C-alpha atoms as a PDB file:
ATOM      1  CA  UNK A   1     183.354 -35.824   3.535  1.00  0.00           C
ATOM      2  CA  UNK A   2     181.885 -32.642   2.017  1.00  0.00           C
ATOM      3  CA  UNK A   3     184.160 -29.650   1.716  1.00  0.00           C
ATOM      4  CA  UNK A   4     183.238 -26.015   1.850  1.00  0.00           C
ATOM      5  CA  UNK A   5     184.373 -23.750  -0.933  1.00  0.00           C
ATOM      6  CA  UNK A   6     187.377 -21.684   0.036  1.00  0.00           C
ATOM      7  CA  UNK A   7     186.887 -17.974  -0.493  1.00  0.00           C
ATOM      8  CA  UNK A   8     189.408 -15.225  -0.142  1.00  0.00           C
ATOM      9  CA  UNK A   9     188.091 -12.010   1.244  1.00  0.00           C
ATOM     10  CA  UNK A  10     189.821  -8.654   1.564  1.00  0.00           C
ATOM     11  CA  UNK A  11     191.379  -9.565   4.911  1.00  0.00           C
ATOM     12  CA  UNK A  12     192.987 -12.694   3.491  1.00  0.00           C
ATOM     13  CA  UNK A  13     194.169 -11.019   0.321  1.00  0.00           C
ATOM     14  CA  UNK A  14     195.593  -8.131   2.351  1.00  0.00           C
ATOM     15  CA  UNK A  15     197.797 -10.603   4.208  1.00  0.00           C
ATOM     16  CA  UNK A  16     198.932 -12.242   0.984  1.00  0.00           C
ATOM     17  CA  UNK A  17     199.584  -8.961  -0.823  1.00  0.00           C
ATOM     18  CA  UNK A  18     201.507  -7.537   2.106  1.00  0.00           C
ATOM     19  CA  UNK A  19     203.705 -10.605   2.433  1.00  0.00           C
ATOM     20  CA  UNK A  20     204.361 -10.851  -1.292  1.00  0.00           C
ATOM     21  CA  UNK A  21     205.198  -7.156  -1.695  1.00  0.00           C
ATOM     22  CA  UNK A  22     207.116  -6.793   1.569  1.00  0.00           C
ATOM     23  CA  UNK A  23     210.360  -7.903  -0.081  1.00  0.00           C
ATOM     24  CA  UNK A  24     210.342  -4.914  -2.409  1.00  0.00           C
ATOM     25  CA  UNK A  25     209.575  -1.375  -1.359  1.00  0.00           C
ATOM     26  CA  UNK A  26     206.198  -0.553  -2.760  1.00  0.00           C
ATOM     27  CA  UNK A  27     203.427   1.905  -2.401  1.00  0.00           C
ATOM     28  CA  UNK A  28     199.726   1.334  -1.870  1.00  0.00           C
ATOM     29  CA  UNK A  29     199.160   1.060  -5.608  1.00  0.00           C
ATOM     30  CA  UNK A  30     201.690  -1.787  -5.837  1.00  0.00           C
ATOM     31  CA  UNK A  31     200.106  -3.564  -2.884  1.00  0.00           C
ATOM     32  CA  UNK A  32     196.628  -3.291  -4.410  1.00  0.00           C
ATOM     33  CA  UNK A  33     197.935  -4.669  -7.694  1.00  0.00           C
ATOM     34  CA  UNK A  34     199.649  -7.573  -5.942  1.00  0.00           C
ATOM     35  CA  UNK A  35     196.524  -8.247  -3.880  1.00  0.00           C
ATOM     36  CA  UNK A  36     194.430  -8.532  -7.026  1.00  0.00           C
ATOM     37  CA  UNK A  37     196.983 -10.771  -8.723  1.00  0.00           C
ATOM     38  CA  UNK A  38     197.349 -13.084  -5.722  1.00  0.00           C
ATOM     39  CA  UNK A  39     193.604 -13.343  -5.169  1.00  0.00           C
ATOM     40  CA  UNK A  40     193.131 -14.380  -8.782  1.00  0.00           C
ATOM     41  CA  UNK A  41     196.101 -16.775  -8.667  1.00  0.00           C
ATOM     42  CA  UNK A  42     194.889 -18.476  -5.502  1.00  0.00           C
ATOM     43  CA  UNK A  43     191.406 -18.943  -6.875  1.00  0.00           C
ATOM     44  CA  UNK A  44     192.395 -19.985 -10.400  1.00  0.00           C
ATOM     45  CA  UNK A  45     195.903 -21.447 -10.327  1.00  0.00           C
ATOM     46  CA  UNK A  46     195.943 -23.648  -7.226  1.00  0.00           C
ATOM     47  CA  UNK A  47     194.256 -27.002  -6.923  1.00  0.00           C
ATOM     48  CA  UNK A  48     191.329 -27.250  -4.569  1.00  0.00           C
ATOM     49  CA  UNK A  49     193.405 -29.245  -2.058  1.00  0.00           C
ATOM     50  CA  UNK A  50     196.304 -26.766  -2.196  1.00  0.00           C
ATOM     51  CA  UNK A  51     193.902 -23.879  -1.611  1.00  0.00           C
ATOM     52  CA  UNK A  52     192.231 -25.721   1.250  1.00  0.00           C
ATOM     53  CA  UNK A  53     195.509 -26.590   3.020  1.00  0.00           C
ATOM     54  CA  UNK A  54     196.986 -23.128   2.455  1.00  0.00           C
ATOM     55  CA  UNK A  55     193.897 -21.431   3.865  1.00  0.00           C
ATOM     56  CA  UNK A  56     193.712 -23.606   6.936  1.00  0.00           C
ATOM     57  CA  UNK A  57     197.412 -23.244   7.680  1.00  0.00           C
ATOM     58  CA  UNK A  58     197.990 -19.538   7.056  1.00  0.00           C
ATOM     59  CA  UNK A  59     194.603 -17.924   7.598  1.00  0.00           C
ATOM     60  CA  UNK A  60     193.010 -20.173  10.195  1.00  0.00           C
ATOM     61  CA  UNK A  61     196.318 -20.855  12.007  1.00  0.00           C
ATOM     62  CA  UNK A  62     195.731 -24.590  12.179  1.00  0.00           C
ATOM     63  CA  UNK A  63     198.595 -27.010  12.718  1.00  0.00           C
ATOM     64  CA  UNK A  64     199.530 -29.362   9.910  1.00  0.00           C
ATOM     65  CA  UNK A  65     198.661 -32.384  12.044  1.00  0.00           C
ATOM     66  CA  UNK A  66     195.185 -30.963  12.655  1.00  0.00           C
ATOM     67  CA  UNK A  67     194.677 -30.184   8.978  1.00  0.00           C
ATOM     68  CA  UNK A  68     195.757 -33.699   8.065  1.00  0.00           C
ATOM     69  CA  UNK A  69     193.325 -35.209  10.542  1.00  0.00           C
ATOM     70  CA  UNK A  70     190.440 -33.008   9.347  1.00  0.00           C
ATOM     71  CA  UNK A  71     191.052 -33.828   5.676  1.00  0.00           C
ATOM     72  CA  UNK A  72     191.949 -37.483   6.148  1.00  0.00           C
ATOM     73  CA  UNK A  73     195.489 -36.980   4.823  1.00  0.00           C
ATOM     74  CA  UNK A  74     198.933 -37.640   6.207  1.00  0.00           C
ATOM     75  CA  UNK A  75     200.843 -34.645   7.624  1.00  0.00           C
ATOM     76  CA  UNK A  76     203.485 -35.046   4.912  1.00  0.00           C
ATOM     77  CA  UNK A  77     200.807 -34.771   2.221  1.00  0.00           C
ATOM     78  CA  UNK A  78     199.537 -31.543   3.782  1.00  0.00           C
ATOM     79  CA  UNK A  79     203.108 -30.230   3.835  1.00  0.00           C
ATOM     80  CA  UNK A  80     203.558 -31.086   0.154  1.00  0.00           C
ATOM     81  CA  UNK A  81     200.313 -29.312  -0.785  1.00  0.00           C
ATOM     82  CA  UNK A  82     201.337 -26.171   1.090  1.00  0.00           C
ATOM     83  CA  UNK A  83     204.855 -26.149  -0.378  1.00  0.00           C
ATOM     84  CA  UNK A  84     203.519 -26.645  -3.900  1.00  0.00           C
ATOM     85  CA  UNK A  85     201.002 -23.824  -3.435  1.00  0.00           C
ATOM     86  CA  UNK A  86     203.642 -21.439  -2.087  1.00  0.00           C
ATOM     87  CA  UNK A  87     206.025 -22.283  -4.908  1.00  0.00           C
ATOM     88  CA  UNK A  88     203.341 -21.651  -7.513  1.00  0.00           C
ATOM     89  CA  UNK A  89     202.309 -18.323  -5.955  1.00  0.00           C
ATOM     90  CA  UNK A  90     205.911 -17.155  -5.703  1.00  0.00           C
ATOM     91  CA  UNK A  91     206.501 -18.013  -9.358  1.00  0.00           C
ATOM     92  CA  UNK A  92     203.383 -16.090 -10.355  1.00  0.00           C
ATOM     93  CA  UNK A  93     204.422 -13.094  -8.230  1.00  0.00           C
ATOM     94  CA  UNK A  94     207.834 -12.982  -9.928  1.00  0.00           C
ATOM     95  CA  UNK A  95     206.184 -12.006 -13.191  1.00  0.00           C
ATOM     96  CA  UNK A  96     204.720  -8.859 -11.640  1.00  0.00           C
END
């Protein structure tokens, strides 16, 4: 099965930046900085499969069962990929 490359546009990175900076009061400058950091982290620090599962789940609002079926994985594997991706992004965000 061929996979499309996963790209993060401004809409997607806005969602990520907002969610990551929501916990601390920040201004627009902080949100823009977090958006840039998260975009880079998603593209460079996650595995292809983590990025693919994360995108389908959070940005395309697909259910884990549907993602698993589309990718030929078990639902528990999809869950593990998403949890690992979230953990990695949270750890990266803590540094900033």
